[in-house]
Amino acid sequence: MHIHWAFPLLFPLSTLVVGAPTPDSTTEVTSTEDVSHSDATSPFWQDYTYCQGRTIAPGGGEWAPLKDAQIVKLAVLHRHGARSPALGKLPNDDTEWYQCGKPDEFVFMNKGESLAAARSPFMKEEVIIDGAFASKLWKGNCDIGELTTLGSLQLQELGRTLRTVYVDTLSFLPEKMPSNIGIRHTYIWRTRMSVENLFQGLYPLDTREPDQTLTMNVKPSPIEVMVSPASACPKLANLTAVFSTSAEYNATMAPYTEVQNKLVDAYNASALTAYKPYLYDSASAAFCHGLGLKGDLTEEDIQVAVVPGTSGYHNLWRQNSQAEVVKRLGVGAWLQEILAALADLSSPMQVYSAHDASLDMFLAVVADPDLPWPAFASNVIIEQWQKADGSLVVRMFYEGMIVPAHPNLDCDFSGCPIETLESFLKQYIPTDFTAECKL
């Protein structure tokens, strides 16, 4: 059973998933001077920044209505917005994190399945960092990996863009908020807050009924599939661990020794072996929030450092002799959900509020392997269109551009026949997950 959290969207809208075979990620992949890209992927690397994902825009870029066709389904897969460091305070880092708490988020308890006049008082939560062990965390008002004010604003802006395209331009989504939109977020708090903010932009208060509620679905952490389900799949956990010590993985890290050493020096972390894999996360999060750079680090260093910082995850699905098996075990369950959502035309829209690692593993299946790591608030937009002859085709956008399809997928995402996409994705969906996950 899914857990259903029903939150009345009547209030102002206001933890851990990484790029290595370790916990969370706030990460990007940016090119270095000696890395070249194909004609298909080069546009994705131009003007790319880890701090802010790009999206579609009417009247500019690659998006335009599909000619002689009608849109019948929209799916949005997005990363949460900007956040505080996911691994907490580094021992030698004095960065203060007063970046959270706005916009305010209010909740109340309500008995029954519909809103009633009688309910508990509105409650507001604030993070306080004080007391006997306050020195274990930074000064500020942010929890570890918490969505910041910047992150909230990023998702509100994404919501406004979706409204411009799918309400104002296409007239596909209604002016007033419908109640039959599918919403999924992970068990990590920032994804829930992110999708709340997205809907603040997509359907502002004046577009909702006073007692209207949207239901957000979340799976408990042991069975979540929008992040790698290694804890539920022993074989996947084993393959992940093997890759982390493999020659293939070491080869992806070798070109980045200099920038990694520079991070160690900047954070005075030569003796902090356990923290070294996560230095890029603290450095990039601080940089994206305008909190400065440590030591001799430069903006270019931040962009480059995230490449090795996320390689253990990014290349698990790509530069790995077992990549096809890993994709089947690690992404198959989510692909199954996505295909079911695309087939359900009773709901106009499905939203998945997830993580950089979530989008990255999805793209590993469907896209050219050489795409940048998902930035804060980055998104994959999937449109299903019905053509005049009744056939269904899928368009897919990432970073505001048509996704270059994986070399093994025999179509392109300017209009991929749904049958072709389904047939391809079903190769990665086990018929018996329990059996295939056994060691």
Protein backbone atom coordinates (compact mmCIF):
# COMPACT_ATOMS: atom_id res chain seq x y z
CA MET A 1 0.00 0.00 0.00
CA HIS A 2 1.10 3.53 -0.68
CA ILE A 3 0.99 6.03 2.13
CA HIS A 4 -1.34 8.88 1.22
CA TRP A 5 -0.60 12.33 2.64
CA ALA A 6 -3.44 14.68 1.86
CA PHE A 7 -2.43 18.32 2.27
CA PRO A 8 -5.01 21.03 1.68
CA LEU A 9 -3.21 23.56 -0.54
CA LEU A 10 -4.72 26.48 1.32
CA PHE A 11 -1.61 27.76 3.03
CA PRO A 12 1.52 29.66 2.07
CA LEU A 13 3.99 27.05 0.71
CA SER A 14 7.24 27.19 1.88
CA THR A 15 17.56 13.26 4.44
CA LEU A 16 19.84 11.93 2.03
CA VAL A 17 20.28 10.48 -1.69
CA VAL A 18 24.08 11.02 -3.46
CA GLY A 19 26.10 10.61 -6.50
CA ALA A 20 28.45 7.97 -5.25
CA PRO A 21 27.48 4.51 -4.07
CA THR A 22 27.12 6.37 -0.81
CA PRO A 23 24.18 8.40 0.51
CA ASP A 24 22.69 11.57 -1.34
CA SER A 25 23.72 13.90 -3.99
CA THR A 26 23.61 17.53 -4.83
CA THR A 27 25.57 17.33 -7.88
CA GLU A 28 26.35 18.15 -11.41
CA VAL A 29 28.40 16.90 -14.24
CA THR A 30 30.16 19.69 -16.08
CA SER A 31 32.72 19.41 -18.78
CA THR A 32 36.40 19.93 -18.24
CA GLU A 33 38.74 21.50 -20.78
CA ASP A 34 39.84 18.14 -22.19
CA VAL A 35 36.37 16.62 -22.53
CA SER A 36 34.60 16.76 -25.87
CA HIS A 37 30.95 16.08 -26.58
CA SER A 38 28.97 14.94 -29.59
CA ASP A 39 26.80 17.23 -31.69
CA ALA A 40 23.78 15.70 -29.96
CA THR A 41 24.93 16.43 -26.41
CA SER A 42 27.05 19.59 -26.77
CA PRO A 43 24.04 21.95 -26.41
CA PHE A 44 23.30 20.44 -22.99
CA TRP A 45 26.77 21.37 -21.75
CA GLN A 46 26.67 24.93 -23.06
CA ASP A 47 25.75 27.38 -20.30
CA TYR A 48 25.03 24.47 -17.97
CA THR A 49 25.23 25.22 -14.27
CA TYR A 50 24.69 22.87 -11.38
CA CYS A 51 22.98 25.63 -9.43
CA GLN A 52 19.91 25.93 -11.67
CA GLY A 53 18.34 23.50 -14.11
CA ARG A 54 16.81 24.83 -17.31
CA THR A 55 13.37 23.97 -18.65
CA ILE A 56 11.14 24.45 -21.68
CA ALA A 57 9.91 27.86 -22.73
CA PRO A 58 7.20 28.80 -25.24
CA GLY A 59 8.40 31.11 -27.99
CA GLY A 60 12.04 30.17 -27.50
CA GLY A 61 14.30 27.16 -27.44
CA GLU A 62 13.12 23.83 -28.80
CA TRP A 63 9.58 23.69 -27.43
CA ALA A 64 6.58 24.32 -29.66
CA PRO A 65 3.19 22.60 -29.95
CA LEU A 66 3.34 19.41 -32.01
CA LYS A 67 1.65 20.02 -35.35
CA ASP A 68 -1.53 18.14 -36.22
CA ALA A 69 -1.65 16.50 -32.81
CA GLN A 70 -3.33 16.90 -29.43
CA ILE A 71 -1.57 16.45 -26.11
CA VAL A 72 -3.24 13.80 -23.95
CA LYS A 73 -0.83 13.29 -21.03
CA LEU A 74 1.91 15.20 -19.25
CA ALA A 75 4.50 13.75 -16.87
CA VAL A 76 7.04 15.88 -15.02
CA LEU A 77 10.04 14.31 -13.29
CA HIS A 78 11.88 16.99 -11.34
CA ARG A 79 14.73 17.24 -8.89
CA HIS A 80 14.08 19.15 -5.67
CA GLY A 81 15.32 22.72 -5.47
CA ALA A 82 18.52 24.00 -3.90
CA ARG A 83 19.28 22.66 -0.43
CA SER A 84 21.75 22.82 2.42
CA PRO A 85 24.60 20.25 2.40
CA ALA A 86 23.26 16.70 2.57
CA LEU A 87 25.97 15.35 4.84
CA GLY A 88 25.89 18.06 7.49
CA LYS A 89 28.70 20.22 8.81
CA LEU A 90 32.27 19.41 7.85
CA PRO A 91 34.59 19.62 10.89
CA ASN A 92 36.60 22.56 9.54
CA ASP A 93 33.76 24.41 7.82
CA ASP A 94 32.37 27.54 9.50
CA THR A 95 29.81 28.38 6.80
CA GLU A 96 26.55 29.61 8.34
CA TRP A 97 23.27 28.38 6.88
CA TYR A 98 20.53 30.95 7.45
CA GLN A 99 18.90 30.04 4.15
CA CYS A 100 15.77 28.16 5.22
CA GLY A 101 12.30 28.74 6.63
CA LYS A 102 10.79 30.84 3.85
CA PRO A 103 8.18 30.67 2.51
CA ASP A 104 6.43 29.52 5.67
CA GLU A 105 4.68 26.16 5.65
CA PHE A 106 1.60 25.65 7.80
CA VAL A 107 -0.16 22.37 8.54
CA PHE A 108 -3.17 21.24 10.53
CA MET A 109 -4.85 17.96 11.39
CA ASN A 110 -8.28 17.17 10.04
CA LYS A 111 -10.55 14.25 10.92
CA GLY A 112 -12.12 12.44 8.01
CA GLU A 113 -11.43 12.32 4.30
CA SER A 114 -12.65 15.78 3.37
CA LEU A 115 -12.03 19.19 4.82
CA ALA A 116 -14.32 20.32 7.58
CA ALA A 117 -14.71 23.53 9.51
CA ALA A 118 -13.57 21.80 12.69
CA ARG A 119 -9.86 21.17 12.62
CA SER A 120 -6.86 21.60 14.84
CA PRO A 121 -5.00 24.91 14.99
CA PHE A 122 -2.61 25.78 12.19
CA MET A 123 0.90 24.70 13.13
CA LYS A 124 4.18 26.13 11.89
CA GLU A 125 7.53 24.42 12.32
CA GLU A 126 10.86 26.19 12.76
CA VAL A 127 14.32 24.64 12.94
CA ILE A 128 16.31 25.68 16.00
CA ILE A 129 20.03 25.01 16.32
CA ASP A 130 21.05 25.43 19.94
CA GLY A 131 21.68 23.44 23.09
CA ALA A 132 24.42 21.11 24.28
CA PHE A 133 25.36 19.69 20.88
CA ALA A 134 24.78 22.73 18.68
CA SER A 135 28.46 22.75 17.71
CA LYS A 136 27.88 19.53 15.75
CA LEU A 137 25.94 21.52 13.16
CA TRP A 138 26.41 24.86 11.47
CA LYS A 139 25.01 28.11 12.78
CA GLY A 140 21.76 28.90 11.05
CA ASN A 141 18.19 27.71 10.58
CA CYS A 142 18.64 24.83 8.10
CA ASP A 143 18.48 21.15 8.86
CA ILE A 144 20.80 18.79 6.99
CA GLY A 145 19.74 18.61 3.34
CA GLU A 146 16.81 20.98 3.85
CA LEU A 147 15.16 22.80 0.95
CA THR A 148 16.23 26.43 1.14
CA THR A 149 14.35 29.59 0.25
CA LEU A 150 16.24 29.58 -3.05
CA GLY A 151 15.07 26.02 -3.66
CA SER A 152 11.46 26.96 -2.94
CA LEU A 153 11.61 29.86 -5.38
CA GLN A 154 13.16 27.64 -8.06
CA LEU A 155 10.25 25.22 -7.91
CA GLN A 156 7.67 28.00 -7.85
CA GLU A 157 9.25 29.36 -11.03
CA LEU A 158 9.13 25.91 -12.63
CA GLY A 159 5.43 25.73 -11.74
CA ARG A 160 4.80 29.12 -13.35
CA THR A 161 6.57 27.96 -16.50
CA LEU A 162 4.43 24.83 -16.65
CA ARG A 163 1.34 27.01 -16.29
CA THR A 164 2.46 29.27 -19.13
CA VAL A 165 3.00 26.29 -21.43
CA TYR A 166 0.24 23.84 -20.53
CA VAL A 167 -2.51 26.16 -19.30
CA ASP A 168 -2.02 29.46 -21.14
CA THR A 169 -0.45 28.27 -24.41
CA LEU A 170 -1.85 24.77 -25.01
CA SER A 171 -5.05 24.99 -22.93
CA PHE A 172 -4.36 21.37 -21.98
CA LEU A 173 -4.48 21.81 -18.21
CA PRO A 174 -7.52 23.74 -16.94
CA GLU A 175 -7.36 27.30 -15.63
CA LYS A 176 -8.63 26.14 -12.23
CA MET A 177 -6.76 23.43 -10.35
CA PRO A 178 -8.13 19.93 -11.01
CA SER A 179 -8.08 17.40 -8.19
CA ASN A 180 -7.08 14.39 -10.30
CA ILE A 181 -3.39 15.16 -10.73
CA GLY A 182 -1.04 12.35 -9.75
CA ILE A 183 1.75 13.36 -7.36
CA ARG A 184 4.63 11.26 -6.02
CA HIS A 185 7.50 12.39 -3.83
CA THR A 186 10.10 10.43 -1.90
CA TYR A 187 10.27 9.97 1.86
CA ILE A 188 12.87 12.74 2.06
CA TRP A 189 11.30 15.97 3.26
CA ARG A 190 12.72 18.33 0.63
CA THR A 191 10.94 16.53 -2.21
CA ARG A 192 7.57 17.08 -0.55
CA MET A 193 8.31 20.76 0.02
CA SER A 194 9.53 21.08 -3.57
CA VAL A 195 6.34 19.74 -5.11
CA GLU A 196 4.26 21.96 -2.82
CA ASN A 197 6.15 24.93 -4.18
CA LEU A 198 5.77 23.72 -7.75
CA PHE A 199 2.00 23.74 -7.31
CA GLN A 200 2.14 27.18 -5.75
CA GLY A 201 3.47 28.33 -9.13
CA LEU A 202 1.33 26.08 -11.33
CA TYR A 203 -1.94 26.70 -9.49
CA PRO A 204 -1.78 29.81 -7.28
CA LEU A 205 -4.31 30.30 -4.50
CA ASP A 206 -6.84 32.11 -6.68
CA THR A 207 -7.10 29.08 -8.99
CA ARG A 208 -8.22 26.66 -6.24
CA GLU A 209 -11.49 25.95 -4.52
CA PRO A 210 -11.50 26.88 -0.81
CA ASP A 211 -11.71 23.26 0.36
CA GLN A 212 -9.70 21.64 -2.42
CA THR A 213 -7.10 18.99 -1.59
CA LEU A 214 -4.42 17.33 -3.67
CA THR A 215 -3.13 13.97 -2.48
CA MET A 216 0.62 13.41 -2.52
CA ASN A 217 1.69 9.76 -2.56
CA VAL A 218 4.86 8.59 -0.82
CA LYS A 219 6.32 5.13 -0.33
CA PRO A 220 8.10 4.17 2.91
CA SER A 221 11.87 4.31 2.61
CA PRO A 222 12.50 0.52 2.43
CA ILE A 223 10.43 0.19 -0.75
CA GLU A 224 11.01 3.52 -2.51
CA VAL A 225 11.89 3.09 -6.20
CA MET A 226 12.60 6.68 -7.24
CA VAL A 227 16.05 6.19 -5.73
CA SER A 228 18.20 3.12 -6.21
CA PRO A 229 16.41 0.33 -4.29
CA ALA A 230 19.68 -1.32 -3.25
CA SER A 231 18.44 -1.90 0.31
CA ALA A 232 15.54 -3.97 -1.05
CA CYS A 233 17.54 -5.75 -3.75
CA PRO A 234 20.63 -7.63 -2.47
CA LYS A 235 22.02 -8.27 -5.95
CA LEU A 236 21.84 -4.56 -6.79
CA ALA A 237 23.57 -3.70 -3.51
CA ASN A 238 26.33 -6.16 -4.34
CA LEU A 239 26.81 -4.83 -7.88
CA THR A 240 26.95 -1.29 -6.53
CA ALA A 241 29.61 -2.21 -3.97
CA VAL A 242 31.67 -4.10 -6.54
CA PHE A 243 31.64 -1.15 -8.94
CA SER A 244 32.80 1.25 -6.22
CA THR A 245 36.13 -0.59 -5.99
CA SER A 246 36.46 -1.57 -9.65
CA ALA A 247 39.08 -0.57 -12.20
CA GLU A 248 36.24 0.92 -14.27
CA TYR A 249 35.29 3.26 -11.45
CA ASN A 250 38.91 4.19 -10.72
CA ALA A 251 39.38 5.05 -14.38
CA THR A 252 36.55 7.59 -14.19
CA MET A 253 38.17 9.21 -11.15
CA ALA A 254 41.77 9.35 -12.37
CA PRO A 255 41.55 12.64 -14.33
CA TYR A 256 40.29 14.55 -11.28
CA THR A 257 43.02 14.05 -8.68
CA GLU A 258 44.11 17.69 -8.85
CA VAL A 259 40.70 19.21 -8.15
CA GLN A 260 40.00 16.69 -5.40
CA ASN A 261 43.27 17.59 -3.71
CA LYS A 262 42.33 21.25 -4.03
CA LEU A 263 39.08 20.55 -2.17
CA VAL A 264 40.96 18.75 0.59
CA ASP A 265 43.28 21.74 1.01
CA ALA A 266 40.42 24.26 0.95
CA TYR A 267 38.59 22.45 3.76
CA ASN A 268 41.75 21.46 5.66
CA ALA A 269 40.52 17.89 5.38
CA SER A 270 43.69 15.88 4.84
CA ALA A 271 43.03 13.92 8.05
CA LEU A 272 39.28 13.62 7.48
CA THR A 273 39.25 10.52 5.31
CA ALA A 274 35.57 9.78 5.86
CA TYR A 275 34.55 13.26 4.70
CA LYS A 276 36.64 13.46 1.52
CA PRO A 277 33.98 12.00 -0.82
CA TYR A 278 31.53 14.71 0.28
CA LEU A 279 33.63 17.86 0.10
CA TYR A 280 32.21 18.71 -3.32
CA ASP A 281 28.70 18.66 -1.89
CA SER A 282 29.38 21.28 0.77
CA ALA A 283 31.41 23.41 -1.64
CA SER A 284 28.79 23.37 -4.40
CA ALA A 285 25.86 23.99 -2.04
CA ALA A 286 27.61 26.99 -0.50
CA PHE A 287 28.57 28.37 -3.91
CA CYS A 288 25.02 28.07 -5.28
CA HIS A 289 23.68 30.05 -2.31
CA GLY A 290 26.25 32.83 -2.64
CA LEU A 291 28.05 31.80 0.54
CA GLY A 292 31.51 31.98 -0.95
CA LEU A 293 34.33 29.63 -1.82
CA LYS A 294 36.93 28.15 0.50
CA GLY A 295 40.68 28.44 0.05
CA ASP A 296 41.79 28.75 -3.56
CA LEU A 297 38.68 27.16 -5.03
CA THR A 298 37.22 28.80 -8.13
CA GLU A 299 33.83 28.59 -9.80
CA GLU A 300 35.36 26.30 -12.42
CA ASP A 301 36.63 24.02 -9.65
CA ILE A 302 33.11 23.69 -8.31
CA GLN A 303 31.80 22.70 -11.72
CA VAL A 304 34.58 20.16 -12.26
CA ALA A 305 34.58 18.70 -8.73
CA VAL A 306 31.05 17.41 -8.98
CA VAL A 307 32.04 15.11 -11.83
CA PRO A 308 34.21 12.80 -9.68
CA GLY A 309 31.90 13.47 -6.74
CA THR A 310 29.03 11.80 -8.58
CA SER A 311 30.95 9.33 -10.72
CA GLY A 312 30.31 6.35 -8.47
CA TYR A 313 26.59 6.73 -9.11
CA HIS A 314 26.50 8.26 -12.59
CA ASN A 315 28.83 5.69 -14.10
CA LEU A 316 27.33 2.76 -12.22
CA TRP A 317 24.63 2.90 -14.92
CA ARG A 318 26.99 3.70 -17.79
CA GLN A 319 30.75 2.96 -17.70
CA ASN A 320 30.20 -0.38 -16.04
CA SER A 321 30.33 -3.85 -17.58
CA GLN A 322 27.26 -4.73 -15.49
CA ALA A 323 25.33 -1.57 -16.40
CA GLU A 324 22.49 -3.37 -18.18
CA VAL A 325 21.83 -5.59 -15.16
CA VAL A 326 22.09 -2.62 -12.79
CA LYS A 327 19.58 -0.62 -14.84
CA ARG A 328 17.16 -3.53 -14.84
CA LEU A 329 17.34 -4.00 -11.07
CA GLY A 330 17.71 -0.34 -10.15
CA VAL A 331 15.37 1.51 -12.51
CA GLY A 332 12.92 -1.15 -13.65
CA ALA A 333 10.41 -0.69 -10.83
CA TRP A 334 10.16 3.06 -11.43
CA LEU A 335 9.89 2.56 -15.20
CA GLN A 336 6.94 0.29 -14.48
CA GLU A 337 5.23 3.11 -12.55
CA ILE A 338 5.97 5.67 -15.26
CA LEU A 339 4.55 3.49 -18.04
CA ALA A 340 1.40 2.90 -15.98
CA ALA A 341 1.02 6.65 -15.43
CA LEU A 342 1.40 7.41 -19.15
CA ALA A 343 -1.29 4.84 -19.93
CA ASP A 344 -3.73 6.36 -17.43
CA LEU A 345 -5.48 9.09 -19.40
CA SER A 346 -8.07 9.66 -16.67
CA SER A 347 -5.52 12.03 -15.09
CA PRO A 348 -4.00 14.79 -17.23
CA MET A 349 -0.73 15.05 -15.32
CA GLN A 350 1.68 13.01 -13.22
CA VAL A 351 4.42 14.67 -11.16
CA TYR A 352 7.41 12.88 -9.64
CA SER A 353 9.29 15.03 -7.12
CA ALA A 354 12.61 13.31 -6.65
CA HIS A 355 16.39 13.69 -6.62
CA ASP A 356 19.29 14.27 -8.96
CA ALA A 357 20.15 10.58 -8.66
CA SER A 358 16.55 9.73 -9.62
CA LEU A 359 16.63 11.69 -12.85
CA ASP A 360 20.13 10.45 -13.61
CA MET A 361 19.21 6.77 -13.41
CA PHE A 362 16.09 7.34 -15.55
CA LEU A 363 18.17 9.15 -18.17
CA ALA A 364 20.70 6.32 -18.08
CA VAL A 365 18.02 4.09 -19.60
CA VAL A 366 16.42 6.40 -22.18
CA ALA A 367 19.07 8.97 -23.12
CA ASP A 368 22.49 9.38 -24.68
CA PRO A 369 25.00 8.50 -21.92
CA ASP A 370 26.77 11.87 -22.22
CA LEU A 371 24.31 14.23 -20.55
CA PRO A 372 25.09 16.54 -17.60
CA TRP A 373 24.19 15.59 -14.06
CA PRO A 374 20.76 16.92 -12.99
CA ALA A 375 21.07 20.39 -11.47
CA PHE A 376 18.93 21.87 -8.72
CA ALA A 377 15.30 22.03 -9.95
CA SER A 378 16.22 20.23 -13.18
CA ASN A 379 13.42 18.39 -14.87
CA VAL A 380 12.50 15.80 -17.45
CA ILE A 381 9.22 16.62 -19.16
CA ILE A 382 7.37 13.84 -20.96
CA GLU A 383 4.50 14.74 -23.27
CA GLN A 384 2.21 12.17 -24.88
CA TRP A 385 0.48 13.38 -28.03
CA GLN A 386 -2.27 11.83 -30.16
CA LYS A 387 -1.84 12.43 -33.88
CA ALA A 388 -4.63 12.83 -36.42
CA ASP A 389 -4.43 9.13 -37.34
CA GLY A 390 -4.96 8.15 -33.69
CA SER A 391 -1.37 7.06 -33.04
CA LEU A 392 0.39 8.13 -29.85
CA VAL A 393 3.88 9.62 -29.76
CA VAL A 394 6.08 10.76 -26.88
CA ARG A 395 8.19 13.90 -26.70
CA MET A 396 10.78 14.22 -23.97
CA PHE A 397 12.70 17.28 -22.79
CA TYR A 398 15.67 17.68 -20.42
CA GLU A 399 17.35 21.01 -19.70
CA GLY A 400 14.70 22.54 -21.97
CA MET A 401 15.85 20.52 -24.99
CA ILE A 402 14.71 17.38 -26.77
CA VAL A 403 16.38 14.40 -25.11
CA PRO A 404 18.87 12.67 -27.44
CA ALA A 405 17.73 9.06 -27.28
CA HIS A 406 19.89 6.19 -26.09
CA PRO A 407 21.72 4.60 -29.04
CA ASN A 408 19.77 1.36 -28.51
CA LEU A 409 16.38 3.09 -28.66
CA ASP A 410 15.13 3.12 -32.25
CA CYS A 411 13.34 6.46 -32.25
CA ASP A 412 13.93 10.07 -31.34
CA PHE A 413 12.13 12.07 -28.71
CA SER A 414 10.76 14.72 -31.04
CA GLY A 415 8.03 12.13 -31.58
CA CYS A 416 8.78 8.58 -30.41
CA PRO A 417 5.94 6.09 -31.07
CA ILE A 418 4.61 4.97 -27.71
CA GLU A 419 4.82 1.31 -28.77
CA THR A 420 8.53 1.68 -29.53
CA LEU A 421 9.21 3.32 -26.18
CA GLU A 422 7.14 0.79 -24.24
CA SER A 423 8.87 -2.15 -25.92
CA PHE A 424 12.29 -0.67 -25.13
CA LEU A 425 11.50 0.13 -21.49
CA LYS A 426 9.95 -3.26 -20.81
CA GLN A 427 13.37 -4.83 -21.42
CA TYR A 428 14.38 -3.20 -18.13
CA ILE A 429 11.37 -4.31 -16.08
CA PRO A 430 11.81 -7.70 -14.38
CA THR A 431 8.78 -9.97 -14.26
CA ASP A 432 9.89 -11.22 -10.84
CA PHE A 433 11.88 -8.65 -8.89
CA THR A 434 12.35 -10.92 -5.88
CA ALA A 435 13.89 -13.68 -7.95
CA GLU A 436 16.20 -11.39 -9.93
CA CYS A 437 17.35 -9.56 -6.80
CA LYS A 438 18.64 -12.72 -5.14
CA LEU A 439 22.41 -13.11 -4.92
